[in-house]
């Protein structure tokens, strides 16, 4: 198993799998409802010019997250 990194540290264009999800409260519930679950594959599509927000592709749709939210999601980058 590869080392886990924060979603906010993932390089643009890189695919990964969600391994830990540390967000709680309304934000955590809402992201889980949208499919951000442990084991879900995702790809970092792009970041805004100043690095915030991040756009990811998750379960066939694009989702925009704040960098502060992405810091609480640990992912395992896909090894090619």
Protein backbone atom coordinates (compact mmCIF):
# COMPACT_ATOMS: atom_id res chain seq x y z
CA UNK A 1 0.00 0.00 0.00
CA UNK A 2 1.31 3.43 -0.97
CA UNK A 3 1.71 6.22 1.56
CA UNK A 4 -1.40 8.23 2.33
CA UNK A 5 -1.42 11.93 1.52
CA UNK A 6 -3.95 14.70 1.97
CA UNK A 7 -6.24 15.34 -0.98
CA UNK A 8 -5.03 18.94 -0.89
CA UNK A 9 -1.48 17.67 -1.68
CA UNK A 10 -2.46 15.56 -4.69
CA UNK A 11 -0.97 16.67 -8.02
CA UNK A 12 -3.33 17.86 -10.76
CA UNK A 13 -4.32 14.99 -13.06
CA UNK A 14 -3.51 12.32 -10.49
CA UNK A 15 -6.03 9.62 -9.60
CA UNK A 16 -6.37 8.32 -6.05
CA UNK A 17 -8.61 6.35 -3.73
CA UNK A 18 -10.16 7.81 -0.58
CA UNK A 19 -8.73 5.94 2.44
CA UNK A 20 -9.66 8.12 5.45
CA UNK A 21 -12.33 10.75 5.85
CA UNK A 22 -11.93 12.99 8.89
CA UNK A 23 -14.59 15.64 8.23
CA UNK A 24 -17.47 15.77 10.68
CA UNK A 25 -20.54 17.92 11.07
CA UNK A 26 -22.70 19.21 8.25
CA UNK A 27 -19.83 19.38 5.75
CA UNK A 28 -18.85 15.76 6.37
CA UNK A 29 -22.43 14.55 6.07
CA UNK A 30 -23.00 16.51 2.86
CA UNK A 31 -19.83 15.19 1.22
CA UNK A 32 -20.75 11.62 2.16
CA UNK A 33 -24.20 12.13 0.65
CA UNK A 34 -22.49 13.21 -2.58
CA UNK A 35 -20.44 10.00 -2.70
CA UNK A 36 -17.19 10.91 -0.93
CA UNK A 37 -16.79 7.57 0.84
CA UNK A 38 -13.80 5.47 1.87
CA UNK A 39 -12.82 3.38 -1.15
CA UNK A 40 -14.14 5.88 -3.72
CA UNK A 41 -11.82 6.58 -6.65
CA UNK A 42 -11.30 10.21 -7.64
CA UNK A 43 -9.12 12.39 -9.87
CA UNK A 44 -7.90 15.90 -9.15
CA UNK A 45 -8.97 17.80 -12.27
CA UNK A 46 -7.61 21.28 -11.50
CA UNK A 47 -7.05 23.93 -8.89
CA UNK A 48 -7.87 27.62 -8.95
CA UNK A 49 -4.97 29.99 -9.72
CA UNK A 50 -4.24 30.58 -6.03
CA UNK A 51 -4.69 26.88 -5.13
CA UNK A 52 -8.16 27.14 -3.63
CA UNK A 53 -10.69 25.66 -4.43
CA UNK A 54 -9.91 22.23 -5.90
CA UNK A 55 -12.00 20.49 -8.55
CA UNK A 56 -12.18 16.69 -8.39
CA UNK A 57 -13.95 14.12 -10.52
CA UNK A 58 -15.84 11.71 -8.29
CA UNK A 59 -18.37 9.06 -9.35
CA UNK A 60 -18.84 10.58 -12.81
CA UNK A 61 -19.35 14.22 -11.80
CA UNK A 62 -17.18 17.20 -10.89
CA UNK A 63 -17.10 18.45 -7.32
CA UNK A 64 -15.40 21.58 -6.02
CA UNK A 65 -13.91 21.52 -2.52
CA UNK A 66 -12.24 24.13 -0.38
CA UNK A 67 -8.60 23.39 0.35
CA UNK A 68 -9.40 23.37 4.08
CA UNK A 69 -11.92 20.57 3.46
CA UNK A 70 -9.50 18.61 1.26
CA UNK A 71 -6.89 18.66 4.04
CA UNK A 72 -9.12 16.34 6.10
CA UNK A 73 -9.41 13.68 3.38
CA UNK A 74 -6.56 11.18 3.13
CA UNK A 75 -6.07 9.46 -0.21
CA UNK A 76 -3.83 6.76 -1.65
CA UNK A 77 -2.44 7.92 -5.02
CA UNK A 78 -2.84 5.43 -7.84
CA UNK A 79 0.49 3.86 -8.74
CA UNK A 80 1.03 3.43 -12.48
